[in-house]
Amino acid sequence: MISLVFYALAMVVTGRYLTFQAIKNIAFKGVFFIFFGWIMAGFTSNIIGLILMYGVFVGIDVGMLYGMAYP
């Protein structure tokens, strides 16, 4: 559920910054941070770390990347 909240917020924020020139920059940042979130979620040993790494980082990044598909 945390992931869905940050997913929705990221789509709203990213939608304001989408221009044709910014798409490549947002895509690069989104892919980098989703990779970072998955790696860090794999290294965590408690549920709070998993919620933060997967829920927050991956939720924001999926919202960034999904928002680019429908500008």
PDB file of N, CA and C in Angstrom:
ATOM      1  N   MET A   1       0.806  -1.195   0.000  1.00  0.00           N
ATOM      2  CA  MET A   1       0.000   0.000   0.000  1.00  0.00           C
ATOM      3  C   MET A   1       0.860   1.275   0.000  1.00  0.00           C
ATOM      4  N   ILE A   2       1.991   1.230   0.677  1.00  0.00           N
ATOM      5  CA  ILE A   2       2.889   2.384   0.682  1.00  0.00           C
ATOM      6  C   ILE A   2       3.360   2.676  -0.734  1.00  0.00           C
ATOM      7  N   SER A   3       3.648   1.625  -1.471  1.00  0.00           N
ATOM      8  CA  SER A   3       4.112   1.782  -2.844  1.00  0.00           C
ATOM      9  C   SER A   3       3.069   2.489  -3.710  1.00  0.00           C
ATOM     10  N   LEU A   4       1.814   2.165  -3.525  1.00  0.00           N
ATOM     11  CA  LEU A   4       0.762   2.795  -4.326  1.00  0.00           C
ATOM     12  C   LEU A   4       0.592   4.272  -4.001  1.00  0.00           C
ATOM     13  N   VAL A   5       0.770   4.637  -2.748  1.00  0.00           N
ATOM     14  CA  VAL A   5       0.660   6.049  -2.363  1.00  0.00           C
ATOM     15  C   VAL A   5       1.764   6.861  -3.036  1.00  0.00           C
ATOM     16  N   PHE A   6       2.991   6.371  -2.951  1.00  0.00           N
ATOM     17  CA  PHE A   6       4.107   7.109  -3.553  1.00  0.00           C
ATOM     18  C   PHE A   6       4.063   7.044  -5.078  1.00  0.00           C
ATOM     19  N   TYR A   7       3.510   5.977  -5.619  1.00  0.00           N
ATOM     20  CA  TYR A   7       3.305   5.864  -7.068  1.00  0.00           C
ATOM     21  C   TYR A   7       2.392   6.983  -7.559  1.00  0.00           C
ATOM     22  N   ALA A   8       1.279   7.168  -6.875  1.00  0.00           N
ATOM     23  CA  ALA A   8       0.321   8.202  -7.290  1.00  0.00           C
ATOM     24  C   ALA A   8       0.907   9.602  -7.123  1.00  0.00           C
ATOM     25  N   LEU A   9       1.601   9.844  -6.030  1.00  0.00           N
ATOM     26  CA  LEU A   9       2.214  11.160  -5.820  1.00  0.00           C
ATOM     27  C   LEU A   9       3.288  11.457  -6.859  1.00  0.00           C
ATOM     28  N   ALA A  10       4.072  10.456  -7.208  1.00  0.00           N
ATOM     29  CA  ALA A  10       5.135  10.654  -8.191  1.00  0.00           C
ATOM     30  C   ALA A  10       4.569  10.942  -9.577  1.00  0.00           C
ATOM     31  N   MET A  11       3.447  10.345  -9.915  1.00  0.00           N
ATOM     32  CA  MET A  11       2.853  10.627 -11.226  1.00  0.00           C
ATOM     33  C   MET A  11       2.412  12.084 -11.317  1.00  0.00           C
ATOM     34  N   VAL A  12       1.853  12.614 -10.247  1.00  0.00           N
ATOM     35  CA  VAL A  12       1.396  14.009 -10.247  1.00  0.00           C
ATOM     36  C   VAL A  12       2.589  14.958 -10.355  1.00  0.00           C
ATOM     37  N   VAL A  13       3.614  14.715  -9.563  1.00  0.00           N
ATOM     38  CA  VAL A  13       4.782  15.598  -9.560  1.00  0.00           C
ATOM     39  C   VAL A  13       5.548  15.508 -10.874  1.00  0.00           C
ATOM     40  N   THR A  14       5.776  14.303 -11.357  1.00  0.00           N
ATOM     41  CA  THR A  14       6.532  14.122 -12.597  1.00  0.00           C
ATOM     42  C   THR A  14       5.779  14.675 -13.799  1.00  0.00           C
ATOM     43  N   GLY A  15       4.470  14.592 -13.781  1.00  0.00           N
ATOM     44  CA  GLY A  15       3.672  15.105 -14.895  1.00  0.00           C
ATOM     45  C   GLY A  15       3.871  16.589 -15.132  1.00  0.00           C
ATOM     46  N   ARG A  16       4.176  17.324 -14.090  1.00  0.00           N
ATOM     47  CA  ARG A  16       4.405  18.760 -14.237  1.00  0.00           C
ATOM     48  C   ARG A  16       5.735  19.069 -14.915  1.00  0.00           C
ATOM     49  N   TYR A  17       6.680  18.157 -14.846  1.00  0.00           N
ATOM     50  CA  TYR A  17       8.019  18.399 -15.392  1.00  0.00           C
ATOM     51  C   TYR A  17       8.248  17.742 -16.745  1.00  0.00           C
ATOM     52  N   LEU A  18       7.241  17.081 -17.274  1.00  0.00           N
ATOM     53  CA  LEU A  18       7.437  16.382 -18.541  1.00  0.00           C
ATOM     54  C   LEU A  18       7.438  17.349 -19.716  1.00  0.00           C
ATOM     55  N   THR A  19       8.538  17.379 -20.392  1.00  0.00           N
ATOM     56  CA  THR A  19       8.654  18.023 -21.692  1.00  0.00           C
ATOM     57  C   THR A  19       9.416  17.034 -22.572  1.00  0.00           C
ATOM     58  N   PHE A  20       9.481  17.317 -23.834  1.00  0.00           N
ATOM     59  CA  PHE A  20      10.163  16.384 -24.723  1.00  0.00           C
ATOM     60  C   PHE A  20      11.639  16.247 -24.374  1.00  0.00           C
ATOM     61  N   GLN A  21      12.257  17.327 -23.947  1.00  0.00           N
ATOM     62  CA  GLN A  21      13.672  17.285 -23.599  1.00  0.00           C
ATOM     63  C   GLN A  21      13.907  16.598 -22.255  1.00  0.00           C
ATOM     64  N   ALA A  22      12.964  16.660 -21.342  1.00  0.00           N
ATOM     65  CA  ALA A  22      13.147  16.113 -19.996  1.00  0.00           C
ATOM     66  C   ALA A  22      12.867  14.619 -19.910  1.00  0.00           C
ATOM     67  N   ILE A  23      12.300  14.033 -20.933  1.00  0.00           N
ATOM     68  CA  ILE A  23      11.918  12.616 -20.873  1.00  0.00           C
ATOM     69  C   ILE A  23      13.137  11.735 -20.678  1.00  0.00           C
ATOM     70  N   LYS A  24      14.208  11.993 -21.392  1.00  0.00           N
ATOM     71  CA  LYS A  24      15.407  11.168 -21.252  1.00  0.00           C
ATOM     72  C   LYS A  24      16.000  11.283 -19.855  1.00  0.00           C
ATOM     73  N   ASN A  25      16.021  12.480 -19.304  1.00  0.00           N
ATOM     74  CA  ASN A  25      16.558  12.703 -17.967  1.00  0.00           C
ATOM     75  C   ASN A  25      15.702  11.992 -16.906  1.00  0.00           C
ATOM     76  N   ILE A  26      14.390  12.103 -17.007  1.00  0.00           N
ATOM     77  CA  ILE A  26      13.501  11.444 -16.051  1.00  0.00           C
ATOM     78  C   ILE A  26      13.593   9.934 -16.188  1.00  0.00           C
ATOM     79  N   ALA A  27      13.713   9.440 -17.405  1.00  0.00           N
ATOM     80  CA  ALA A  27      13.836   7.989 -17.609  1.00  0.00           C
ATOM     81  C   ALA A  27      15.121   7.448 -16.994  1.00  0.00           C
ATOM     82  N   PHE A  28      16.202   8.166 -17.176  1.00  0.00           N
ATOM     83  CA  PHE A  28      17.471   7.721 -16.601  1.00  0.00           C
ATOM     84  C   PHE A  28      17.407   7.688 -15.081  1.00  0.00           C
ATOM     85  N   LYS A  29      16.892   8.752 -14.480  1.00  0.00           N
ATOM     86  CA  LYS A  29      16.775   8.796 -13.019  1.00  0.00           C
ATOM     87  C   LYS A  29      15.825   7.726 -12.506  1.00  0.00           C
ATOM     88  N   GLY A  30      14.726   7.510 -13.197  1.00  0.00           N
ATOM     89  CA  GLY A  30      13.759   6.503 -12.770  1.00  0.00           C
ATOM     90  C   GLY A  30      14.335   5.103 -12.798  1.00  0.00           C
ATOM     91  N   VAL A  31      15.032   4.756 -13.864  1.00  0.00           N
ATOM     92  CA  VAL A  31      15.627   3.422 -13.960  1.00  0.00           C
ATOM     93  C   VAL A  31      16.727   3.251 -12.924  1.00  0.00           C
ATOM     94  N   PHE A  32      17.531   4.268 -12.711  1.00  0.00           N
ATOM     95  CA  PHE A  32      18.602   4.172 -11.721  1.00  0.00           C
ATOM     96  C   PHE A  32      18.041   3.969 -10.316  1.00  0.00           C
ATOM     97  N   PHE A  33      17.057   4.765  -9.942  1.00  0.00           N
ATOM     98  CA  PHE A  33      16.533   4.670  -8.586  1.00  0.00           C
ATOM     99  C   PHE A  33      15.673   3.426  -8.364  1.00  0.00           C
ATOM    100  N   ILE A  34      15.018   2.916  -9.388  1.00  0.00           N
ATOM    101  CA  ILE A  34      14.270   1.667  -9.200  1.00  0.00           C
ATOM    102  C   ILE A  34      15.250   0.514  -9.001  1.00  0.00           C
ATOM    103  N   PHE A  35      16.359   0.548  -9.715  1.00  0.00           N
ATOM    104  CA  PHE A  35      17.403  -0.455  -9.508  1.00  0.00           C
ATOM    105  C   PHE A  35      17.970  -0.344  -8.095  1.00  0.00           C
ATOM    106  N   PHE A  36      18.222   0.886  -7.637  1.00  0.00           N
ATOM    107  CA  PHE A  36      18.720   1.124  -6.287  1.00  0.00           C
ATOM    108  C   PHE A  36      17.733   0.612  -5.240  1.00  0.00           C
ATOM    109  N   GLY A  37      16.460   0.867  -5.426  1.00  0.00           N
ATOM    110  CA  GLY A  37      15.442   0.408  -4.484  1.00  0.00           C
ATOM    111  C   GLY A  37      15.366  -1.099  -4.399  1.00  0.00           C
ATOM    112  N   TRP A  38      15.446  -1.777  -5.531  1.00  0.00           N
ATOM    113  CA  TRP A  38      15.407  -3.244  -5.528  1.00  0.00           C
ATOM    114  C   TRP A  38      16.637  -3.833  -4.860  1.00  0.00           C
ATOM    115  N   ILE A  39      17.806  -3.276  -5.159  1.00  0.00           N
ATOM    116  CA  ILE A  39      19.039  -3.778  -4.542  1.00  0.00           C
ATOM    117  C   ILE A  39      19.015  -3.556  -3.033  1.00  0.00           C
ATOM    118  N   MET A  40      18.645  -2.371  -2.605  1.00  0.00           N
ATOM    119  CA  MET A  40      18.610  -2.090  -1.175  1.00  0.00           C
ATOM    120  C   MET A  40      17.532  -2.905  -0.462  1.00  0.00           C
ATOM    121  N   ALA A  41      16.409  -3.173  -1.116  1.00  0.00           N
ATOM    122  CA  ALA A  41      15.378  -4.023  -0.510  1.00  0.00           C
ATOM    123  C   ALA A  41      15.892  -5.443  -0.337  1.00  0.00           C
ATOM    124  N   GLY A  42      16.756  -5.884  -1.222  1.00  0.00           N
ATOM    125  CA  GLY A  42      17.338  -7.215  -1.098  1.00  0.00           C
ATOM    126  C   GLY A  42      18.316  -7.331   0.061  1.00  0.00           C
ATOM    127  N   PHE A  43      18.941  -6.224   0.438  1.00  0.00           N
ATOM    128  CA  PHE A  43      19.920  -6.249   1.520  1.00  0.00           C
ATOM    129  C   PHE A  43      19.324  -5.971   2.899  1.00  0.00           C
ATOM    130  N   THR A  44      18.079  -5.558   2.963  1.00  0.00           N
ATOM    131  CA  THR A  44      17.493  -5.212   4.256  1.00  0.00           C
ATOM    132  C   THR A  44      17.155  -6.465   5.057  1.00  0.00           C
ATOM    133  N   SER A  45      17.159  -6.316   6.367  1.00  0.00           N
ATOM    134  CA  SER A  45      16.896  -7.468   7.219  1.00  0.00           C
ATOM    135  C   SER A  45      15.656  -7.294   8.096  1.00  0.00           C
ATOM    136  N   ASN A  46      14.945  -6.177   7.953  1.00  0.00           N
ATOM    137  CA  ASN A  46      13.730  -6.000   8.747  1.00  0.00           C
ATOM    138  C   ASN A  46      12.616  -5.430   7.872  1.00  0.00           C
ATOM    139  N   ILE A  47      11.419  -5.444   8.393  1.00  0.00           N
ATOM    140  CA  ILE A  47      10.256  -5.044   7.611  1.00  0.00           C
ATOM    141  C   ILE A  47      10.216  -3.527   7.369  1.00  0.00           C
ATOM    142  N   ILE A  48      10.708  -2.748   8.310  1.00  0.00           N
ATOM    143  CA  ILE A  48      10.728  -1.288   8.126  1.00  0.00           C
ATOM    144  C   ILE A  48      11.647  -0.917   6.967  1.00  0.00           C
ATOM    145  N   GLY A  49      12.796  -1.551   6.874  1.00  0.00           N
ATOM    146  CA  GLY A  49      13.701  -1.302   5.758  1.00  0.00           C
ATOM    147  C   GLY A  49      13.091  -1.706   4.432  1.00  0.00           C
ATOM    148  N   LEU A  50      12.368  -2.805   4.437  1.00  0.00           N
ATOM    149  CA  LEU A  50      11.712  -3.258   3.207  1.00  0.00           C
ATOM    150  C   LEU A  50      10.621  -2.276   2.783  1.00  0.00           C
ATOM    151  N   ILE A  51       9.859  -1.794   3.739  1.00  0.00           N
ATOM    152  CA  ILE A  51       8.818  -0.809   3.422  1.00  0.00           C
ATOM    153  C   ILE A  51       9.436   0.465   2.859  1.00  0.00           C
ATOM    154  N   LEU A  52      10.519   0.916   3.468  1.00  0.00           N
ATOM    155  CA  LEU A  52      11.161   2.136   2.977  1.00  0.00           C
ATOM    156  C   LEU A  52      11.790   1.943   1.612  1.00  0.00           C
ATOM    157  N   MET A  53      12.540   0.884   1.452  1.00  0.00           N
ATOM    158  CA  MET A  53      13.259   0.692   0.194  1.00  0.00           C
ATOM    159  C   MET A  53      12.323   0.330  -0.956  1.00  0.00           C
ATOM    160  N   TYR A  54      11.450  -0.623  -0.725  1.00  0.00           N
ATOM    161  CA  TYR A  54      10.570  -1.026  -1.813  1.00  0.00           C
ATOM    162  C   TYR A  54       9.385  -0.078  -1.937  1.00  0.00           C
ATOM    163  N   GLY A  55       8.731   0.191  -0.851  1.00  0.00           N
ATOM    164  CA  GLY A  55       7.526   1.008  -0.906  1.00  0.00           C
ATOM    165  C   GLY A  55       7.780   2.419  -1.374  1.00  0.00           C
ATOM    166  N   VAL A  56       8.795   3.056  -0.834  1.00  0.00           N
ATOM    167  CA  VAL A  56       9.040   4.455  -1.169  1.00  0.00           C
ATOM    168  C   VAL A  56       9.807   4.581  -2.478  1.00  0.00           C
ATOM    169  N   PHE A  57      10.991   3.981  -2.557  1.00  0.00           N
ATOM    170  CA  PHE A  57      11.824   4.153  -3.758  1.00  0.00           C
ATOM    171  C   PHE A  57      11.175   3.562  -5.001  1.00  0.00           C
ATOM    172  N   VAL A  58      10.732   2.332  -4.919  1.00  0.00           N
ATOM    173  CA  VAL A  58      10.160   1.691  -6.105  1.00  0.00           C
ATOM    174  C   VAL A  58       8.815   2.316  -6.451  1.00  0.00           C
ATOM    175  N   GLY A  59       8.036   2.706  -5.452  1.00  0.00           N
ATOM    176  CA  GLY A  59       6.765   3.386  -5.730  1.00  0.00           C
ATOM    177  C   GLY A  59       6.961   4.694  -6.468  1.00  0.00           C
ATOM    178  N   ILE A  60       7.913   5.496  -6.026  1.00  0.00           N
ATOM    179  CA  ILE A  60       8.191   6.770  -6.694  1.00  0.00           C
ATOM    180  C   ILE A  60       8.696   6.528  -8.115  1.00  0.00           C
ATOM    181  N   ASP A  61       9.574   5.577  -8.278  1.00  0.00           N
ATOM    182  CA  ASP A  61      10.180   5.363  -9.588  1.00  0.00           C
ATOM    183  C   ASP A  61       9.215   4.761 -10.597  1.00  0.00           C
ATOM    184  N   VAL A  62       8.359   3.893 -10.161  1.00  0.00           N
ATOM    185  CA  VAL A  62       7.352   3.355 -11.075  1.00  0.00           C
ATOM    186  C   VAL A  62       6.395   4.473 -11.487  1.00  0.00           C
ATOM    187  N   GLY A  63       6.064   5.357 -10.556  1.00  0.00           N
ATOM    188  CA  GLY A  63       5.222   6.506 -10.902  1.00  0.00           C
ATOM    189  C   GLY A  63       5.900   7.431 -11.902  1.00  0.00           C
ATOM    190  N   MET A  64       7.207   7.630 -11.751  1.00  0.00           N
ATOM    191  CA  MET A  64       7.948   8.472 -12.689  1.00  0.00           C
ATOM    192  C   MET A  64       7.933   7.850 -14.080  1.00  0.00           C
ATOM    193  N   LEU A  65       8.235   6.561 -14.145  1.00  0.00           N
ATOM    194  CA  LEU A  65       8.346   5.909 -15.452  1.00  0.00           C
ATOM    195  C   LEU A  65       6.991   5.662 -16.101  1.00  0.00           C
ATOM    196  N   TYR A  66       5.996   5.344 -15.321  1.00  0.00           N
ATOM    197  CA  TYR A  66       4.663   5.120 -15.888  1.00  0.00           C
ATOM    198  C   TYR A  66       4.045   6.421 -16.360  1.00  0.00           C
ATOM    199  N   GLY A  67       4.328   7.505 -15.662  1.00  0.00           N
ATOM    200  CA  GLY A  67       3.805   8.797 -16.074  1.00  0.00           C
ATOM    201  C   GLY A  67       4.362   9.259 -17.413  1.00  0.00           C
ATOM    202  N   MET A  68       5.520   8.790 -17.792  1.00  0.00           N
ATOM    203  CA  MET A  68       6.098   9.166 -19.082  1.00  0.00           C
ATOM    204  C   MET A  68       5.373   8.524 -20.249  1.00  0.00           C
ATOM    205  N   ALA A  69       4.727   7.407 -20.004  1.00  0.00           N
ATOM    206  CA  ALA A  69       4.041   6.721 -21.096  1.00  0.00           C
ATOM    207  C   ALA A  69       2.793   7.472 -21.552  1.00  0.00           C
ATOM    208  N   TYR A  70       2.227   8.283 -20.684  1.00  0.00           N
ATOM    209  CA  TYR A  70       1.017   9.037 -21.006  1.00  0.00           C
ATOM    210  C   TYR A  70       1.177  10.505 -20.700  1.00  0.00           C
ATOM    211  N   PRO A  71       2.023  11.211 -21.453  1.00  0.00           N
ATOM    212  CA  PRO A  71       2.205  12.655 -21.170  1.00  0.00           C
ATOM    213  C   PRO A  71       1.037  13.486 -21.635  1.00  0.00           C
TER     214      PRO A  71
END
